[in-house]
Amino acid sequence: MILGTTASSVGAEGVSPSADWSLWERSGRAPSSGDGNGFATNHADDMALLAATDIRTHRMTIEWARIEPSAGSLDNDAIDRYIDA
């Protein structure tokens, strides 16, 4: 049996400023996600904790608005960060 975890990008790293959902946050129609649970900056430590509990797989959704903040414009830093995580 393989055990794993999953997380949404908003919960793990907060909403991207260029995402549609950020409009809801800025208008007060949704609570601020801030930087989520901090996975974006603490992923190495978080993955080590998962590994220490024999969790070997983790699935996180990718926030497309971070990858392509405007039509046709890719954010290579965001892409590299996702690859590193």
PDB file of N, CA and C in Angstrom:
ATOM      1  N   MET A   1       0.838  -1.176   0.000  1.00  0.00           N
ATOM      2  CA  MET A   1       0.000   0.000   0.000  1.00  0.00           C
ATOM      3  C   MET A   1       0.888   1.245   0.000  1.00  0.00           C
ATOM      4  N   ILE A   2       0.508   2.219  -0.795  1.00  0.00           N
ATOM      5  CA  ILE A   2       1.223   3.488  -0.855  1.00  0.00           C
ATOM      6  C   ILE A   2       0.332   4.556  -0.230  1.00  0.00           C
ATOM      7  N   LEU A   3       0.877   5.246   0.762  1.00  0.00           N
ATOM      8  CA  LEU A   3       0.155   6.350   1.384  1.00  0.00           C
ATOM      9  C   LEU A   3       0.700   7.664   0.853  1.00  0.00           C
ATOM     10  N   GLY A   4      -0.173   8.627   0.692  1.00  0.00           N
ATOM     11  CA  GLY A   4       0.258   9.920   0.198  1.00  0.00           C
ATOM     12  C   GLY A   4      -0.601  11.028   0.758  1.00  0.00           C
ATOM     13  N   THR A   5      -0.267  12.242   0.409  1.00  0.00           N
ATOM     14  CA  THR A   5      -1.015  13.414   0.827  1.00  0.00           C
ATOM     15  C   THR A   5      -1.332  14.256  -0.404  1.00  0.00           C
ATOM     16  N   THR A   6      -2.232  15.173  -0.227  1.00  0.00           N
ATOM     17  CA  THR A   6      -2.575  16.094  -1.306  1.00  0.00           C
ATOM     18  C   THR A   6      -2.881  17.462  -0.720  1.00  0.00           C
ATOM     19  N   ALA A   7      -2.678  18.493  -1.505  1.00  0.00           N
ATOM     20  CA  ALA A   7      -2.956  19.859  -1.058  1.00  0.00           C
ATOM     21  C   ALA A   7      -3.303  20.714  -2.268  1.00  0.00           C
ATOM     22  N   SER A   8      -4.116  21.707  -2.026  1.00  0.00           N
ATOM     23  CA  SER A   8      -4.405  22.670  -3.096  1.00  0.00           C
ATOM     24  C   SER A   8      -3.328  23.749  -3.083  1.00  0.00           C
ATOM     25  N   SER A   9      -3.090  24.343  -4.220  1.00  0.00           N
ATOM     26  CA  SER A   9      -2.070  25.392  -4.292  1.00  0.00           C
ATOM     27  C   SER A   9      -2.444  26.584  -3.418  1.00  0.00           C
ATOM     28  N   VAL A  10      -3.721  26.941  -3.376  1.00  0.00           N
ATOM     29  CA  VAL A  10      -4.140  28.087  -2.554  1.00  0.00           C
ATOM     30  C   VAL A  10      -3.891  27.796  -1.080  1.00  0.00           C
ATOM     31  N   GLY A  11      -4.224  26.586  -0.637  1.00  0.00           N
ATOM     32  CA  GLY A  11      -3.992  26.224   0.756  1.00  0.00           C
ATOM     33  C   GLY A  11      -2.520  26.116   1.093  1.00  0.00           C
ATOM     34  N   ALA A  12      -1.722  25.695   0.132  1.00  0.00           N
ATOM     35  CA  ALA A  12      -0.302  25.474   0.368  1.00  0.00           C
ATOM     36  C   ALA A  12       0.547  26.733   0.226  1.00  0.00           C
ATOM     37  N   GLU A  13       0.154  27.642  -0.685  1.00  0.00           N
ATOM     38  CA  GLU A  13       1.003  28.807  -0.950  1.00  0.00           C
ATOM     39  C   GLU A  13       0.236  30.123  -1.054  1.00  0.00           C
ATOM     40  N   GLY A  14      -1.067  30.076  -0.852  1.00  0.00           N
ATOM     41  CA  GLY A  14      -1.875  31.294  -0.991  1.00  0.00           C
ATOM     42  C   GLY A  14      -2.215  31.549  -2.445  1.00  0.00           C
ATOM     43  N   VAL A  15      -3.165  32.420  -2.643  1.00  0.00           N
ATOM     44  CA  VAL A  15      -3.616  32.708  -4.003  1.00  0.00           C
ATOM     45  C   VAL A  15      -2.612  33.609  -4.724  1.00  0.00           C
ATOM     46  N   SER A  16      -2.464  33.385  -6.007  1.00  0.00           N
ATOM     47  CA  SER A  16      -1.613  34.246  -6.827  1.00  0.00           C
ATOM     48  C   SER A  16      -2.322  35.582  -7.040  1.00  0.00           C
ATOM     49  N   PRO A  17      -1.599  36.686  -6.967  1.00  0.00           N
ATOM     50  CA  PRO A  17      -2.230  37.995  -7.193  1.00  0.00           C
ATOM     51  C   PRO A  17      -2.909  38.122  -8.553  1.00  0.00           C
ATOM     52  N   SER A  18      -2.480  37.341  -9.542  1.00  0.00           N
ATOM     53  CA  SER A  18      -3.084  37.442 -10.867  1.00  0.00           C
ATOM     54  C   SER A  18      -4.228  36.449 -11.079  1.00  0.00           C
ATOM     55  N   ALA A  19      -4.557  35.663 -10.068  1.00  0.00           N
ATOM     56  CA  ALA A  19      -5.645  34.687 -10.188  1.00  0.00           C
ATOM     57  C   ALA A  19      -6.998  35.358  -9.974  1.00  0.00           C
ATOM     58  N   ASP A  20      -8.009  34.812 -10.611  1.00  0.00           N
ATOM     59  CA  ASP A  20      -9.365  35.335 -10.429  1.00  0.00           C
ATOM     60  C   ASP A  20      -9.778  35.331  -8.966  1.00  0.00           C
ATOM     61  N   TRP A  21      -9.390  34.292  -8.234  1.00  0.00           N
ATOM     62  CA  TRP A  21      -9.784  34.183  -6.824  1.00  0.00           C
ATOM     63  C   TRP A  21      -9.257  35.353  -5.997  1.00  0.00           C
ATOM     64  N   SER A  22      -8.134  35.933  -6.395  1.00  0.00           N
ATOM     65  CA  SER A  22      -7.579  37.054  -5.633  1.00  0.00           C
ATOM     66  C   SER A  22      -8.527  38.252  -5.642  1.00  0.00           C
ATOM     67  N   LEU A  23      -9.332  38.370  -6.697  1.00  0.00           N
ATOM     68  CA  LEU A  23     -10.330  39.451  -6.722  1.00  0.00           C
ATOM     69  C   LEU A  23     -11.336  39.280  -5.593  1.00  0.00           C
ATOM     70  N   TRP A  24     -11.730  38.050  -5.306  1.00  0.00           N
ATOM     71  CA  TRP A  24     -12.653  37.774  -4.206  1.00  0.00           C
ATOM     72  C   TRP A  24     -12.004  38.123  -2.872  1.00  0.00           C
ATOM     73  N   GLU A  25     -10.743  37.782  -2.719  1.00  0.00           N
ATOM     74  CA  GLU A  25     -10.052  38.110  -1.474  1.00  0.00           C
ATOM     75  C   GLU A  25      -9.937  39.616  -1.288  1.00  0.00           C
ATOM     76  N   ARG A  26      -9.526  40.320  -2.333  1.00  0.00           N
ATOM     77  CA  ARG A  26      -9.350  41.774  -2.223  1.00  0.00           C
ATOM     78  C   ARG A  26     -10.664  42.498  -1.979  1.00  0.00           C
ATOM     79  N   SER A  27     -11.772  41.938  -2.483  1.00  0.00           N
ATOM     80  CA  SER A  27     -13.071  42.590  -2.283  1.00  0.00           C
ATOM     81  C   SER A  27     -13.716  42.196  -0.955  1.00  0.00           C
ATOM     82  N   GLY A  28     -13.065  41.306  -0.207  1.00  0.00           N
ATOM     83  CA  GLY A  28     -13.599  40.882   1.082  1.00  0.00           C
ATOM     84  C   GLY A  28     -14.650  39.784   0.985  1.00  0.00           C
ATOM     85  N   ARG A  29     -14.856  39.247  -0.204  1.00  0.00           N
ATOM     86  CA  ARG A  29     -15.850  38.187  -0.396  1.00  0.00           C
ATOM     87  C   ARG A  29     -15.304  36.814  -0.008  1.00  0.00           C
ATOM     88  N   ALA A  30     -14.002  36.717   0.198  1.00  0.00           N
ATOM     89  CA  ALA A  30     -13.364  35.484   0.657  1.00  0.00           C
ATOM     90  C   ALA A  30     -12.248  35.883   1.623  1.00  0.00           C
ATOM     91  N   PRO A  31     -11.985  35.055   2.624  1.00  0.00           N
ATOM     92  CA  PRO A  31     -10.897  35.389   3.553  1.00  0.00           C
ATOM     93  C   PRO A  31      -9.542  35.346   2.851  1.00  0.00           C
ATOM     94  N   SER A  32      -8.618  36.127   3.341  1.00  0.00           N
ATOM     95  CA  SER A  32      -7.282  36.172   2.764  1.00  0.00           C
ATOM     96  C   SER A  32      -6.572  34.836   2.969  1.00  0.00           C
ATOM     97  N   SER A  33      -5.958  34.345   1.920  1.00  0.00           N
ATOM     98  CA  SER A  33      -5.201  33.091   2.022  1.00  0.00           C
ATOM     99  C   SER A  33      -3.757  33.351   2.430  1.00  0.00           C
ATOM    100  N   GLY A  34      -3.341  34.613   2.411  1.00  0.00           N
ATOM    101  CA  GLY A  34      -1.967  34.945   2.792  1.00  0.00           C
ATOM    102  C   GLY A  34      -0.971  34.108   2.009  1.00  0.00           C
ATOM    103  N   ASP A  35      -0.042  33.486   2.721  1.00  0.00           N
ATOM    104  CA  ASP A  35       0.896  32.589   2.037  1.00  0.00           C
ATOM    105  C   ASP A  35       0.520  31.130   2.293  1.00  0.00           C
ATOM    106  N   GLY A  36      -0.767  30.892   2.501  1.00  0.00           N
ATOM    107  CA  GLY A  36      -1.248  29.527   2.732  1.00  0.00           C
ATOM    108  C   GLY A  36      -0.624  28.949   3.985  1.00  0.00           C
ATOM    109  N   ASN A  37      -0.256  27.706   3.930  1.00  0.00           N
ATOM    110  CA  ASN A  37       0.399  27.092   5.086  1.00  0.00           C
ATOM    111  C   ASN A  37       1.917  27.228   5.027  1.00  0.00           C
ATOM    112  N   GLY A  38       2.415  28.008   4.080  1.00  0.00           N
ATOM    113  CA  GLY A  38       3.850  28.274   3.982  1.00  0.00           C
ATOM    114  C   GLY A  38       4.644  27.251   3.192  1.00  0.00           C
ATOM    115  N   PHE A  39       3.950  26.336   2.509  1.00  0.00           N
ATOM    116  CA  PHE A  39       4.656  25.294   1.774  1.00  0.00           C
ATOM    117  C   PHE A  39       5.614  25.865   0.735  1.00  0.00           C
ATOM    118  N   ALA A  40       5.265  26.969   0.132  1.00  0.00           N
ATOM    119  CA  ALA A  40       6.114  27.539  -0.922  1.00  0.00           C
ATOM    120  C   ALA A  40       7.510  27.865  -0.414  1.00  0.00           C
ATOM    121  N   THR A  41       7.614  28.270   0.831  1.00  0.00           N
ATOM    122  CA  THR A  41       8.930  28.626   1.375  1.00  0.00           C
ATOM    123  C   THR A  41       9.509  27.536   2.270  1.00  0.00           C
ATOM    124  N   ASN A  42       8.685  26.599   2.718  1.00  0.00           N
ATOM    125  CA  ASN A  42       9.153  25.557   3.640  1.00  0.00           C
ATOM    126  C   ASN A  42       9.034  24.154   3.062  1.00  0.00           C
ATOM    127  N   HIS A  43       8.938  24.025   1.735  1.00  0.00           N
ATOM    128  CA  HIS A  43       8.656  22.713   1.162  1.00  0.00           C
ATOM    129  C   HIS A  43       9.701  21.657   1.516  1.00  0.00           C
ATOM    130  N   ALA A  44      10.953  22.013   1.615  1.00  0.00           N
ATOM    131  CA  ALA A  44      11.978  21.014   1.938  1.00  0.00           C
ATOM    132  C   ALA A  44      11.744  20.433   3.334  1.00  0.00           C
ATOM    133  N   ASP A  45      11.479  21.298   4.308  1.00  0.00           N
ATOM    134  CA  ASP A  45      11.199  20.830   5.668  1.00  0.00           C
ATOM    135  C   ASP A  45       9.907  20.022   5.713  1.00  0.00           C
ATOM    136  N   ASP A  46       8.886  20.503   5.012  1.00  0.00           N
ATOM    137  CA  ASP A  46       7.599  19.802   5.004  1.00  0.00           C
ATOM    138  C   ASP A  46       7.732  18.417   4.389  1.00  0.00           C
ATOM    139  N   MET A  47       8.462  18.300   3.299  1.00  0.00           N
ATOM    140  CA  MET A  47       8.641  17.000   2.656  1.00  0.00           C
ATOM    141  C   MET A  47       9.463  16.065   3.547  1.00  0.00           C
ATOM    142  N   ALA A  48      10.417  16.607   4.281  1.00  0.00           N
ATOM    143  CA  ALA A  48      11.202  15.782   5.213  1.00  0.00           C
ATOM    144  C   ALA A  48      10.301  15.247   6.328  1.00  0.00           C
ATOM    145  N   LEU A  49       9.378  16.077   6.816  1.00  0.00           N
ATOM    146  CA  LEU A  49       8.441  15.607   7.840  1.00  0.00           C
ATOM    147  C   LEU A  49       7.549  14.493   7.297  1.00  0.00           C
ATOM    148  N   LEU A  50       7.079  14.657   6.070  1.00  0.00           N
ATOM    149  CA  LEU A  50       6.260  13.611   5.469  1.00  0.00           C
ATOM    150  C   LEU A  50       7.066  12.313   5.325  1.00  0.00           C
ATOM    151  N   ALA A  51       8.285  12.433   4.862  1.00  0.00           N
ATOM    152  CA  ALA A  51       9.132  11.243   4.682  1.00  0.00           C
ATOM    153  C   ALA A  51       9.393  10.550   6.015  1.00  0.00           C
ATOM    154  N   ALA A  52       9.528  11.322   7.090  1.00  0.00           N
ATOM    155  CA  ALA A  52       9.773  10.744   8.415  1.00  0.00           C
ATOM    156  C   ALA A  52       8.586   9.911   8.901  1.00  0.00           C
ATOM    157  N   THR A  53       7.417  10.144   8.335  1.00  0.00           N
ATOM    158  CA  THR A  53       6.231   9.374   8.708  1.00  0.00           C
ATOM    159  C   THR A  53       5.875   8.346   7.628  1.00  0.00           C
ATOM    160  N   ASP A  54       6.853   8.025   6.793  1.00  0.00           N
ATOM    161  CA  ASP A  54       6.699   7.034   5.717  1.00  0.00           C
ATOM    162  C   ASP A  54       5.716   7.443   4.627  1.00  0.00           C
ATOM    163  N   ILE A  55       5.434   8.723   4.508  1.00  0.00           N
ATOM    164  CA  ILE A  55       4.619   9.223   3.397  1.00  0.00           C
ATOM    165  C   ILE A  55       5.599   9.522   2.271  1.00  0.00           C
ATOM    166  N   ARG A  56       5.413   8.855   1.150  1.00  0.00           N
ATOM    167  CA  ARG A  56       6.366   8.956   0.045  1.00  0.00           C
ATOM    168  C   ARG A  56       5.827   9.693  -1.172  1.00  0.00           C
ATOM    169  N   THR A  57       4.552  10.027  -1.163  1.00  0.00           N
ATOM    170  CA  THR A  57       3.994  10.737  -2.311  1.00  0.00           C
ATOM    171  C   THR A  57       3.212  11.952  -1.827  1.00  0.00           C
ATOM    172  N   HIS A  58       3.301  13.018  -2.598  1.00  0.00           N
ATOM    173  CA  HIS A  58       2.548  14.239  -2.291  1.00  0.00           C
ATOM    174  C   HIS A  58       2.087  14.840  -3.612  1.00  0.00           C
ATOM    175  N   ARG A  59       0.831  15.185  -3.659  1.00  0.00           N
ATOM    176  CA  ARG A  59       0.268  15.805  -4.862  1.00  0.00           C
ATOM    177  C   ARG A  59      -0.216  17.198  -4.496  1.00  0.00           C
ATOM    178  N   MET A  60       0.271  18.184  -5.211  1.00  0.00           N
ATOM    179  CA  MET A  60      -0.190  19.556  -5.001  1.00  0.00           C
ATOM    180  C   MET A  60      -0.646  20.129  -6.329  1.00  0.00           C
ATOM    181  N   THR A  61      -1.800  20.765  -6.315  1.00  0.00           N
ATOM    182  CA  THR A  61      -2.238  21.408  -7.538  1.00  0.00           C
ATOM    183  C   THR A  61      -1.319  22.587  -7.829  1.00  0.00           C
ATOM    184  N   ILE A  62      -1.216  22.929  -9.072  1.00  0.00           N
ATOM    185  CA  ILE A  62      -0.373  24.053  -9.490  1.00  0.00           C
ATOM    186  C   ILE A  62      -1.275  25.231  -9.824  1.00  0.00           C
ATOM    187  N   GLU A  63      -0.924  26.381  -9.305  1.00  0.00           N
ATOM    188  CA  GLU A  63      -1.676  27.606  -9.569  1.00  0.00           C
ATOM    189  C   GLU A  63      -1.235  28.140 -10.931  1.00  0.00           C
ATOM    190  N   TRP A  64      -2.079  27.937 -11.934  1.00  0.00           N
ATOM    191  CA  TRP A  64      -1.718  28.342 -13.288  1.00  0.00           C
ATOM    192  C   TRP A  64      -1.434  29.836 -13.376  1.00  0.00           C
ATOM    193  N   ALA A  65      -2.112  30.634 -12.579  1.00  0.00           N
ATOM    194  CA  ALA A  65      -1.891  32.081 -12.614  1.00  0.00           C
ATOM    195  C   ALA A  65      -0.489  32.450 -12.139  1.00  0.00           C
ATOM    196  N   ARG A  66       0.194  31.563 -11.424  1.00  0.00           N
ATOM    197  CA  ARG A  66       1.600  31.811 -11.072  1.00  0.00           C
ATOM    198  C   ARG A  66       2.500  31.471 -12.257  1.00  0.00           C
ATOM    199  N   ILE A  67       2.159  30.407 -12.977  1.00  0.00           N
ATOM    200  CA  ILE A  67       2.953  29.978 -14.129  1.00  0.00           C
ATOM    201  C   ILE A  67       2.825  30.961 -15.282  1.00  0.00           C
ATOM    202  N   GLU A  68       1.590  31.413 -15.529  1.00  0.00           N
ATOM    203  CA  GLU A  68       1.312  32.345 -16.627  1.00  0.00           C
ATOM    204  C   GLU A  68       0.484  33.507 -16.071  1.00  0.00           C
ATOM    205  N   PRO A  69       1.161  34.488 -15.440  1.00  0.00           N
ATOM    206  CA  PRO A  69       0.442  35.585 -14.789  1.00  0.00           C
ATOM    207  C   PRO A  69      -0.348  36.484 -15.745  1.00  0.00           C
ATOM    208  N   SER A  70       0.046  36.525 -16.983  1.00  0.00           N
ATOM    209  CA  SER A  70      -0.729  37.216 -18.009  1.00  0.00           C
ATOM    210  C   SER A  70      -0.611  36.400 -19.298  1.00  0.00           C
ATOM    211  N   ALA A  71      -1.590  36.539 -20.146  1.00  0.00           N
ATOM    212  CA  ALA A  71      -1.665  35.704 -21.351  1.00  0.00           C
ATOM    213  C   ALA A  71      -0.349  35.734 -22.138  1.00  0.00           C
ATOM    214  N   GLY A  72       0.221  34.549 -22.342  1.00  0.00           N
ATOM    215  CA  GLY A  72       1.430  34.427 -23.141  1.00  0.00           C
ATOM    216  C   GLY A  72       2.720  34.763 -22.425  1.00  0.00           C
ATOM    217  N   SER A  73       2.660  35.129 -21.150  1.00  0.00           N
ATOM    218  CA  SER A  73       3.850  35.509 -20.386  1.00  0.00           C
ATOM    219  C   SER A  73       4.103  34.479 -19.289  1.00  0.00           C
ATOM    220  N   LEU A  74       5.171  33.689 -19.429  1.00  0.00           N
ATOM    221  CA  LEU A  74       5.500  32.675 -18.440  1.00  0.00           C
ATOM    222  C   LEU A  74       6.433  33.239 -17.376  1.00  0.00           C
ATOM    223  N   ASP A  75       6.221  32.816 -16.139  1.00  0.00           N
ATOM    224  CA  ASP A  75       7.076  33.211 -15.021  1.00  0.00           C
ATOM    225  C   ASP A  75       8.035  32.058 -14.744  1.00  0.00           C
ATOM    226  N   ASN A  76       9.250  32.145 -15.268  1.00  0.00           N
ATOM    227  CA  ASN A  76      10.213  31.060 -15.128  1.00  0.00           C
ATOM    228  C   ASN A  76      10.622  30.818 -13.682  1.00  0.00           C
ATOM    229  N   ASP A  77      10.620  31.853 -12.847  1.00  0.00           N
ATOM    230  CA  ASP A  77      10.935  31.659 -11.428  1.00  0.00           C
ATOM    231  C   ASP A  77       9.876  30.783 -10.769  1.00  0.00           C
ATOM    232  N   ALA A  78       8.617  31.021 -11.080  1.00  0.00           N
ATOM    233  CA  ALA A  78       7.537  30.207 -10.524  1.00  0.00           C
ATOM    234  C   ALA A  78       7.653  28.767 -11.016  1.00  0.00           C
ATOM    235  N   ILE A  79       7.963  28.601 -12.288  1.00  0.00           N
ATOM    236  CA  ILE A  79       8.124  27.255 -12.841  1.00  0.00           C
ATOM    237  C   ILE A  79       9.261  26.529 -12.129  1.00  0.00           C
ATOM    238  N   ASP A  80      10.389  27.206 -11.943  1.00  0.00           N
ATOM    239  CA  ASP A  80      11.527  26.594 -11.255  1.00  0.00           C
ATOM    240  C   ASP A  80      11.178  26.231  -9.819  1.00  0.00           C
ATOM    241  N   ARG A  81      10.406  27.082  -9.150  1.00  0.00           N
ATOM    242  CA  ARG A  81      10.022  26.815  -7.761  1.00  0.00           C
ATOM    243  C   ARG A  81       9.153  25.568  -7.686  1.00  0.00           C
ATOM    244  N   TYR A  82       8.212  25.424  -8.616  1.00  0.00           N
ATOM    245  CA  TYR A  82       7.378  24.219  -8.641  1.00  0.00           C
ATOM    246  C   TYR A  82       8.225  22.972  -8.910  1.00  0.00           C
ATOM    247  N   ILE A  83       9.185  23.085  -9.801  1.00  0.00           N
ATOM    248  CA  ILE A  83      10.044  21.940 -10.095  1.00  0.00           C
ATOM    249  C   ILE A  83      10.868  21.556  -8.861  1.00  0.00           C
ATOM    250  N   ASP A  84      11.365  22.550  -8.151  1.00  0.00           N
ATOM    251  CA  ASP A  84      12.170  22.288  -6.949  1.00  0.00           C
ATOM    252  C   ASP A  84      11.362  21.648  -5.827  1.00  0.00           C
ATOM    253  N   ALA A  85      10.073  22.015  -5.759  1.00  0.00           N
ATOM    254  CA  ALA A  85       9.224  21.472  -4.685  1.00  0.00           C
ATOM    255  C   ALA A  85       8.976  20.021  -4.946  1.00  0.00           C
TER     256      ALA A  85
END
